[in-house]
Protein backbone atom coordinates (compact mmCIF):
# COMPACT_ATOMS: atom_id res chain seq x y z
CA MET A 1 143.76 32.10 75.33
CA PRO A 2 145.63 33.26 78.38
CA MET A 3 148.09 36.37 77.83
CA PRO A 4 152.09 35.30 77.64
CA ARG A 5 153.51 36.03 80.91
CA LEU A 6 156.08 38.06 78.89
CA PHE A 7 153.89 40.95 77.99
CA ARG A 8 152.16 41.13 81.30
CA PRO A 9 154.82 43.78 82.71
CA LEU A 10 154.24 46.08 79.69
CA LEU A 11 150.71 45.92 79.86
CA MET A 12 150.06 47.27 83.73
CA PRO A 13 151.90 50.41 83.29
CA ALA A 14 149.42 51.43 79.90
CA LEU A 15 146.44 50.57 82.13
CA THR A 16 147.42 52.72 84.80
CA ALA A 17 148.65 55.66 82.37
CA LEU A 18 144.89 54.85 80.51
CA MET A 19 142.38 55.05 83.59
CA VAL A 20 144.42 58.37 84.68
CA VAL A 21 143.72 60.05 81.35
CA ALA A 22 139.92 58.97 82.14
CA SER A 23 139.85 60.64 84.98
CA LEU A 24 141.40 63.44 84.44
CA ALA A 25 138.98 63.95 81.70
CA MET A 26 135.93 63.62 84.00
CA LEU A 27 137.65 66.12 86.37
CA PRO A 28 136.45 69.00 84.49
CA ARG A 29 132.95 67.54 84.39
CA THR A 30 132.83 66.81 88.49
CA LEU A 31 134.11 70.63 88.94
CA ALA A 32 131.42 71.79 86.88
CA ALA A 33 129.03 69.81 88.54
CA GLU A 34 129.89 71.03 91.94
CA THR A 35 130.62 74.73 91.08
CA PRO A 36 127.11 76.24 90.76
CA ARG A 37 126.49 78.97 88.12
CA ARG A 38 126.05 82.41 89.60
CA LEU A 39 125.33 85.52 89.14
CA GLU A 40 127.70 88.42 90.63
CA VAL A 41 126.87 91.91 91.39
CA GLN A 42 128.93 94.90 92.85
CA ALA A 43 126.69 97.85 93.74
CA GLU A 44 127.68 101.47 95.60
CA ALA A 45 125.24 103.75 97.17
CA GLU A 46 125.13 107.00 98.10
CA LEU A 47 123.19 108.50 101.09
CA GLN A 48 122.82 112.34 102.06
CA VAL A 49 122.11 113.05 105.38
CA VAL A 50 121.14 116.48 106.95
CA PRO A 51 123.41 116.85 110.13
CA ASP A 52 121.81 117.46 113.59
CA ARG A 53 124.51 118.37 115.93
CA ALA A 54 127.40 120.72 115.49
CA THR A 55 130.65 121.24 117.46
CA LEU A 56 131.75 124.84 117.45
CA SER A 57 135.79 125.82 118.19
CA ALA A 58 137.03 128.67 119.85
CA ARG A 59 139.64 129.90 121.62
CA LEU A 60 141.45 132.58 124.10
CA TRP A 61 144.96 133.83 124.63
CA GLU A 62 146.86 136.46 127.10
CA HIS A 63 150.29 137.09 126.52
CA THR A 64 152.91 138.50 128.68
CA PRO A 65 154.67 141.53 128.29
CA ALA A 66 157.22 141.20 125.33
CA THR A 67 161.15 142.17 126.61
CA ALA A 68 164.37 141.37 125.35
CA GLN A 69 165.65 137.59 125.06
CA ARG A 70 168.66 138.34 127.23
CA GLU A 71 166.62 139.82 130.49
CA GLU A 72 164.78 136.22 130.45
CA SER A 73 161.85 138.36 132.23
CA ALA A 74 159.32 136.65 129.77
CA SER A 75 158.89 133.54 132.27
CA ASP A 76 158.41 136.39 135.27
CA PRO A 77 156.08 134.39 137.91
CA ASP A 78 154.23 137.80 138.44
CA ALA A 79 153.56 138.31 134.74
CA LEU A 80 153.02 134.81 133.93
CA ARG A 81 150.28 134.94 136.90
CA LYS A 82 148.28 138.35 135.63
CA ALA A 83 148.24 136.82 132.16
CA ARG A 84 146.83 134.03 133.34
CA ASP A 85 144.11 135.74 135.76
CA ARG A 86 143.30 137.75 133.08
CA LEU A 87 142.57 134.46 130.75
CA GLU A 88 140.55 133.04 133.49
CA THR A 89 138.58 136.09 134.36
CA ARG A 90 137.84 136.10 130.33
CA SER A 91 136.85 132.54 129.99
CA ALA A 92 134.63 132.69 132.76
CA GLY A 93 132.77 135.41 131.20
CA LEU A 94 132.38 133.96 127.87
CA ILE A 95 130.84 131.01 129.70
CA ARG A 96 128.19 133.13 131.05
CA ALA A 97 127.51 134.55 127.95
CA LEU A 98 127.09 130.94 126.62
CA GLU A 99 124.66 130.02 129.09
CA GLU A 100 123.04 133.31 129.07
CA ALA A 101 122.77 132.78 125.03
CA GLY A 102 120.86 129.46 125.92
CA LEU A 103 123.36 126.70 126.10
CA GLU A 104 123.66 124.31 128.86
CA ARG A 105 126.96 124.47 130.89
CA GLN A 106 127.66 120.48 130.04
CA ALA A 107 127.94 121.36 126.49
CA ILE A 108 130.68 123.61 127.08
CA ARG A 109 134.11 122.29 127.71
CA ALA A 110 137.55 124.23 128.73
CA GLY A 111 140.51 122.73 127.51
CA SER A 112 143.71 122.41 129.36
CA LEU A 113 145.65 125.57 129.42
CA ASN A 114 148.67 125.61 126.79
CA VAL A 115 151.85 127.94 127.67
CA GLN A 116 154.55 128.63 124.87
CA PRO A 117 157.04 130.88 124.04
CA GLU A 118 156.69 133.44 121.44
CA HIS A 119 159.87 135.34 119.86
CA LEU A 120 159.39 138.84 118.09
CA PRO A 121 161.90 140.99 115.96
CA GLY A 122 162.92 144.09 118.24
CA GLU A 123 164.27 147.16 117.30
CA ARG A 124 167.47 147.45 114.81
CA ARG A 125 170.61 147.67 117.09
CA ALA A 126 173.57 149.61 115.82
CA GLU A 127 175.46 146.62 114.07
CA GLY A 128 171.97 146.74 111.84
CA LYS A 129 170.44 143.63 113.51
CA HIS A 130 166.89 143.32 115.09
CA GLU A 131 166.72 142.88 118.81
CA THR A 132 165.02 139.63 119.57
CA LEU A 133 161.74 139.57 122.01
CA VAL A 134 160.22 137.10 123.89
CA ARG A 135 156.74 136.71 125.42
CA THR A 136 154.55 133.87 126.72
CA ARG A 137 151.33 132.79 125.28
CA LEU A 138 148.78 131.23 127.61
CA GLU A 139 146.14 129.85 125.55
CA ARG A 140 142.54 128.18 126.26
CA PRO A 141 140.63 126.21 124.01
CA LEU A 142 136.93 125.74 124.19
CA ARG A 143 134.47 123.49 122.36
CA LEU A 144 130.63 123.70 122.31
CA GLN A 145 128.49 121.11 121.19
CA LEU A 146 125.13 121.57 119.77
CA ASP A 147 122.32 119.22 119.58
CA ASP A 148 119.65 122.24 118.24
CA LEU A 149 121.65 123.77 115.69
CA GLU A 150 119.06 126.93 115.42
CA GLN A 151 121.25 127.89 118.67
CA LEU A 152 124.35 128.33 116.30
CA PRO A 153 123.71 131.94 115.12
CA VAL A 154 122.94 133.16 118.87
CA LEU A 155 126.33 131.53 120.16
CA LEU A 156 128.58 132.68 117.23
CA ASP A 157 127.41 136.09 117.89
CA ALA A 158 127.64 135.86 121.87
CA LEU A 159 131.56 134.56 121.09
CA THR A 160 132.40 137.49 119.06
CA GLU A 161 130.40 139.64 121.43
CA ALA A 162 132.65 138.45 124.33
CA GLY A 163 135.80 139.24 122.45
CA VAL A 164 136.98 135.46 121.54
CA ASP A 165 140.21 135.19 119.77
CA ALA A 166 139.79 132.74 117.42
CA LEU A 167 136.82 130.92 116.24
CA ASP A 168 138.79 127.36 114.41
CA GLY A 169 134.98 126.51 112.67
CA VAL A 170 132.14 124.36 112.61
CA SER A 171 131.62 120.51 112.91
CA TYR A 172 128.41 119.09 111.63
CA ASP A 173 127.78 115.61 112.85
CA LEU A 174 125.15 113.23 113.23
CA ALA A 175 123.79 111.93 116.66
CA ASP A 176 123.00 108.48 115.55
CA ARG A 177 125.74 107.81 113.45
CA ASP A 178 125.12 103.85 113.16
CA ALA A 179 121.68 104.52 112.19
CA ALA A 180 122.89 106.67 109.36
CA THR A 181 125.69 103.85 107.92
CA ASP A 182 123.06 101.49 108.56
CA GLU A 183 120.65 102.97 105.99
CA ALA A 184 124.14 103.55 103.34
CA LEU A 185 124.52 99.69 103.91
CA ILE A 186 120.74 99.00 103.06
CA LYS A 187 120.48 101.09 100.36
CA ALA A 188 123.82 99.44 98.60
CA LEU A 189 122.42 95.84 99.19
CA GLU A 190 119.05 96.76 97.63
CA LYS A 191 120.45 98.59 94.54
CA ALA A 192 122.49 95.61 94.06
CA ARG A 193 119.28 92.96 93.99
CA HIS A 194 117.53 95.80 91.36
CA LYS A 195 120.79 94.98 89.75
CA ALA A 196 120.74 91.43 89.51
CA THR A 197 117.15 91.57 88.92
CA LEU A 198 117.18 93.55 85.35
CA MET A 199 120.13 91.66 84.44
CA ALA A 200 118.27 87.92 85.00
CA GLU A 201 115.36 89.42 82.99
CA THR A 202 117.28 90.77 80.14
CA LEU A 203 119.42 87.46 79.88
CA GLY A 204 115.98 85.37 80.74
CA ILE A 205 117.68 83.71 83.72
CA GLY A 206 116.41 82.90 87.15
CA LEU A 207 117.84 83.87 90.42
CA GLY A 208 118.28 81.40 93.21
CA GLU A 209 119.24 82.00 96.48
CA VAL A 210 122.31 84.20 97.55
CA ILE A 211 125.30 82.10 98.16
CA ALA A 212 128.22 85.10 99.07
CA VAL A 213 127.85 88.52 100.03
CA SER A 214 130.53 90.87 101.21
CA GLU A 215 131.23 94.93 101.44
CA THR A 216 133.69 96.44 98.81
CA ARG A 217 133.36 99.73 100.49
CA SER A 218 132.53 99.97 104.37
CA PRO A 219 129.95 102.88 105.38
CA LEU A 220 132.77 105.91 105.78
CA PHE A 221 131.59 108.85 107.95
CA GLN A 222 133.17 112.08 107.68
CA PRO A 223 131.57 115.07 109.80
CA ARG A 224 131.46 118.16 107.48
CA MET A 225 133.70 120.75 108.26
CA MET A 226 132.83 124.57 107.77
CA ALA A 227 135.98 126.89 108.85
CA MET A 228 135.43 130.43 109.86
CA SER A 229 138.21 133.24 111.40
CA ALA A 230 136.78 136.38 114.09
CA ASP A 231 138.02 138.77 111.43
CA ALA A 232 135.37 137.65 109.10
CA ARG A 233 132.90 137.38 111.97
CA GLU A 234 130.69 141.09 110.79
CA SER A 235 130.65 139.59 106.94
CA LEU A 236 129.16 136.77 107.72
CA PRO A 237 125.34 135.95 106.60
CA ARG A 238 123.45 133.61 108.95
CA ALA A 239 122.99 131.56 105.25
CA GLU A 240 126.57 130.21 105.92
CA TYR A 241 125.52 128.53 109.19
CA ARG A 242 123.27 126.07 107.33
CA PRO A 243 124.96 122.57 107.43
CA GLY A 244 124.51 121.43 104.15
CA THR A 245 124.47 117.55 103.97
CA ILE A 246 126.83 114.85 105.15
CA THR A 247 127.70 112.32 102.23
CA ILE A 248 127.91 108.20 103.58
CA GLU A 249 128.92 105.62 100.70
CA ALA A 250 128.49 102.01 101.19
CA GLY A 251 129.44 99.37 98.43
CA VAL A 252 128.79 95.33 98.42
CA GLY A 253 129.34 92.60 96.21
CA VAL A 254 126.69 89.71 96.01
CA SER A 255 126.38 86.54 94.39
CA TRP A 256 123.50 84.99 93.28
CA LYS A 257 123.05 81.06 92.28
CA ILE A 258 121.53 81.08 88.71
CA THR A 259 118.05 78.72 88.24
CA PRO A 260 116.85 76.90 85.15
C-alpha cells in the first residue's frame, strides 16, 4: 500500500538520523580494527666508560709594580714591556720543559695574552682612609692535550717545577665520543627489547614487528673534571691522577605490535 504523501516529509529526517546513529555505533569497531594492539616499552641505560684523553689547564702571570692610582704609572709602557718580557720568557721555558717531559709541541696551546688592571689597598692616610694602589696583570693561559694518560703525573710535576702560577684542573675526555654514545643507545634499545620480551612471555602474548621507536633521552656526554690548585700540588698523591669513569646515559621508547 503506497505511503500517503503527507507522511513522506516526516519519514525522511527520521531515516537520516537512524543512519547517522548506526554509523556512529560502527565507528569504534572500525577504529579498533584499524588501530593495532601494541605493547609500549620505555627503557634507559647507563654506560660507564674509562676516558683515554685529558686536557690540562694552567696559567702564568706577571705584574707591573703597584703604584698610587693618582700617578697613573701602572700603565707605563716600559713597565708593561718588562712584565711582558718576563712572562714570555717564563712561557718559553715552560714549553721547553713540557717538551722535554715528552709532550709534543702541537699538543701545547698557548692562549692570548690577557691584560687587566688590579686595585690593591695601600698605606693608611692621615684622614684614616687607605690609599688605593693599582698595577697591571699580564696573564697567559696554557692548555695541554694528552692522548696518553700515563704522561699526566710527569707533566704536572714539570708544570709545578717550572713555577706555574695556577693549575685550573684536568678535564678527562674520550677520543671517540660517537662510538661511546652509540654504544649507550644500543644498550638502551637492547634493554627495551628485553623488557618487552619479558612482559610478552609473562602475559602470554606474542610480539610482532616494531611499529614505533623514539629517543626519550639523547645520549648525554660530559667530560669529567678534576679540580686542583698549585698550592696543593705537593700534597696530591699519584692516586688522585686516576681518571675514573665517564657516565653516558640514553633512553628510548619502543612499540611492538601484539600478535595472537
